[in-house]
Amino acid sequence: MRLENWVDRLDVVLTAANNEPFAWGQNDCCLFVDRCVEALTGERVAADAIGAYDDEKSAYRYLKKRFGTFDKMLNQLFGDAKHHHFATRGDIALIPREGHAALGIVDLTGENIAFIDIDGITRLPILICSNFWSI
């Protein structure tokens, strides 16, 4: 369940992440989304992942061991995916990225997906994603 002041709390997380560069196991897509979920609900869902891996290979090994795949992780933590027509601010998105997947969150405009990129937050149109999970 979302907190009453989730919009303000999510805005703080998004603003703070604007210039935080990507770092495996510290500030990657999963941990960014975890901080966003905490802003919305007051609870973390992936805090145990902090420092559990330090590069792409060990991150995928961790993910596979714990959940199997991104989709399985998201379905286990947040239920079934929904189509972009039903996505709203604060929902989690699975983003196709150059042969990989990344996680992001529907930003406060409701029109873009915010995700951690090499130099901080990047935003892409919501239409690039087809699967979303409600928080």
Protein backbone atom coordinates (compact mmCIF):
# COMPACT_ATOMS: atom_id res chain seq x y z
CA MET A 1 0.00 0.00 0.00
CA ARG A 2 1.33 3.43 -0.91
CA LEU A 3 2.02 5.97 1.79
CA GLU A 4 -0.06 9.14 1.88
CA ASN A 5 2.95 11.33 1.00
CA TRP A 6 4.44 8.98 -1.61
CA VAL A 7 4.58 11.66 -4.34
CA ASP A 8 6.85 13.92 -2.28
CA ARG A 9 8.95 10.97 -1.14
CA LEU A 10 9.40 9.66 -4.70
CA ASP A 11 10.33 13.15 -5.89
CA VAL A 12 13.12 13.23 -3.29
CA VAL A 13 14.49 9.88 -4.51
CA LEU A 14 14.34 10.89 -8.18
CA THR A 15 15.97 14.26 -7.52
CA ALA A 16 18.76 12.68 -5.44
CA ALA A 17 19.44 10.12 -8.18
CA ASN A 18 19.76 12.71 -10.96
CA ASN A 19 23.56 12.81 -10.76
CA GLU A 20 24.34 9.50 -9.07
CA PRO A 21 26.21 7.32 -11.56
CA PHE A 22 25.42 3.68 -12.13
CA ALA A 23 27.36 1.26 -9.91
CA TRP A 24 26.72 -2.48 -9.69
CA GLY A 25 25.57 -3.53 -6.22
CA GLN A 26 25.32 0.08 -5.02
CA ASN A 27 23.32 2.14 -7.52
CA ASP A 28 22.06 -0.11 -10.27
CA CYS A 29 18.56 -0.48 -11.69
CA CYS A 30 17.35 -2.97 -9.07
CA LEU A 31 18.61 -0.93 -6.13
CA PHE A 32 17.26 2.30 -7.63
CA VAL A 33 13.81 0.72 -7.95
CA ASP A 34 14.16 -0.62 -4.41
CA ARG A 35 14.71 2.95 -3.15
CA CYS A 36 11.67 4.08 -5.14
CA VAL A 37 9.54 1.29 -3.66
CA GLU A 38 10.69 2.37 -0.19
CA ALA A 39 9.61 5.94 -1.02
CA LEU A 40 6.16 4.70 -2.02
CA THR A 41 5.58 2.12 0.72
CA GLY A 42 8.13 2.68 3.48
CA GLU A 43 9.52 -0.82 2.92
CA ARG A 44 12.51 -2.09 0.99
CA VAL A 45 12.24 -5.26 -1.07
CA ALA A 46 15.86 -5.74 -2.15
CA ALA A 47 18.05 -4.25 0.58
CA ASP A 48 19.85 -7.59 0.91
CA ALA A 49 21.21 -7.08 -2.63
CA ILE A 50 23.33 -4.09 -1.59
CA GLY A 51 26.93 -5.19 -1.97
CA ALA A 52 25.92 -8.75 -2.95
CA TYR A 53 27.48 -8.30 -6.41
CA ASP A 54 29.92 -5.87 -8.01
CA ASP A 55 29.69 -6.38 -11.77
CA GLU A 56 27.21 -7.47 -14.42
CA LYS A 57 28.16 -11.13 -14.28
CA SER A 58 27.83 -11.43 -10.51
CA ALA A 59 24.58 -9.41 -10.60
CA TYR A 60 22.96 -11.85 -13.03
CA ARG A 61 24.30 -14.77 -11.00
CA TYR A 62 22.70 -13.26 -7.87
CA LEU A 63 19.41 -12.61 -9.69
CA LYS A 64 19.32 -16.12 -11.18
CA LYS A 65 20.09 -17.78 -7.84
CA ARG A 66 17.53 -15.74 -5.90
CA PHE A 67 14.69 -15.39 -8.43
CA GLY A 68 15.53 -16.92 -11.81
CA THR A 69 14.76 -13.92 -14.07
CA PHE A 70 13.73 -10.25 -13.89
CA ASP A 71 10.14 -11.22 -14.72
CA LYS A 72 10.03 -13.89 -12.02
CA MET A 73 11.52 -11.47 -9.50
CA LEU A 74 8.97 -8.78 -10.32
CA ASN A 75 6.04 -11.22 -10.36
CA GLN A 76 7.12 -12.70 -7.03
CA LEU A 77 7.56 -9.31 -5.37
CA PHE A 78 4.72 -7.35 -7.00
CA GLY A 79 2.28 -9.73 -8.69
CA ASP A 80 1.37 -10.00 -12.33
CA ALA A 81 2.56 -7.52 -14.93
CA LYS A 82 0.18 -5.10 -16.59
CA HIS A 83 0.22 -3.42 -20.01
CA HIS A 84 1.45 0.18 -20.45
CA HIS A 85 -2.11 1.39 -21.00
CA PHE A 86 -2.69 0.74 -17.30
CA ALA A 87 0.65 2.03 -15.96
CA THR A 88 0.58 4.96 -13.56
CA ARG A 89 3.10 7.11 -11.71
CA GLY A 90 5.30 5.08 -9.41
CA ASP A 91 4.79 1.76 -11.22
CA ILE A 92 7.84 -0.36 -12.00
CA ALA A 93 8.79 -0.88 -15.66
CA LEU A 94 10.93 -3.47 -17.40
CA ILE A 95 12.96 -1.63 -20.04
CA PRO A 96 14.51 -3.35 -23.08
CA ARG A 97 18.09 -2.02 -23.31
CA GLU A 98 20.58 -3.13 -26.00
CA GLY A 99 20.13 -6.87 -25.54
CA HIS A 100 19.61 -6.58 -21.79
CA ALA A 101 16.79 -5.56 -19.52
CA ALA A 102 16.75 -2.77 -16.98
CA LEU A 103 14.28 -1.71 -14.34
CA GLY A 104 12.87 1.77 -13.99
CA ILE A 105 9.90 3.57 -12.54
CA VAL A 106 7.15 5.64 -14.11
CA ASP A 107 8.13 9.18 -13.16
CA LEU A 108 5.86 11.80 -11.67
CA THR A 109 4.78 13.08 -15.09
CA GLY A 110 3.29 9.65 -15.83
CA GLU A 111 4.74 9.90 -19.34
CA ASN A 112 8.32 8.68 -18.87
CA ILE A 113 10.30 5.88 -17.33
CA ALA A 114 13.14 7.03 -15.06
CA PHE A 115 16.07 4.64 -14.72
CA ILE A 116 19.69 4.70 -13.64
CA ASP A 117 22.12 5.12 -16.50
CA ILE A 118 25.87 5.63 -16.60
CA ASP A 119 25.71 9.25 -15.36
CA GLY A 120 22.49 9.21 -13.33
CA ILE A 121 18.81 9.30 -14.18
CA THR A 122 17.72 8.95 -17.79
CA ARG A 123 14.11 9.22 -18.90
CA LEU A 124 12.54 7.46 -21.86
CA PRO A 125 8.93 7.51 -23.09
CA ILE A 126 6.60 5.09 -21.31
CA LEU A 127 5.66 3.53 -24.66
CA ILE A 128 9.04 1.78 -25.00
CA CYS A 129 7.99 -0.67 -22.26
CA SER A 130 5.21 -3.22 -22.39
CA ASN A 131 5.32 -4.66 -18.87
CA PHE A 132 4.66 -2.76 -15.66
CA TRP A 133 4.07 -3.75 -12.06
CA SER A 134 1.93 -1.84 -9.58
CA ILE A 135 3.24 -0.84 -6.21
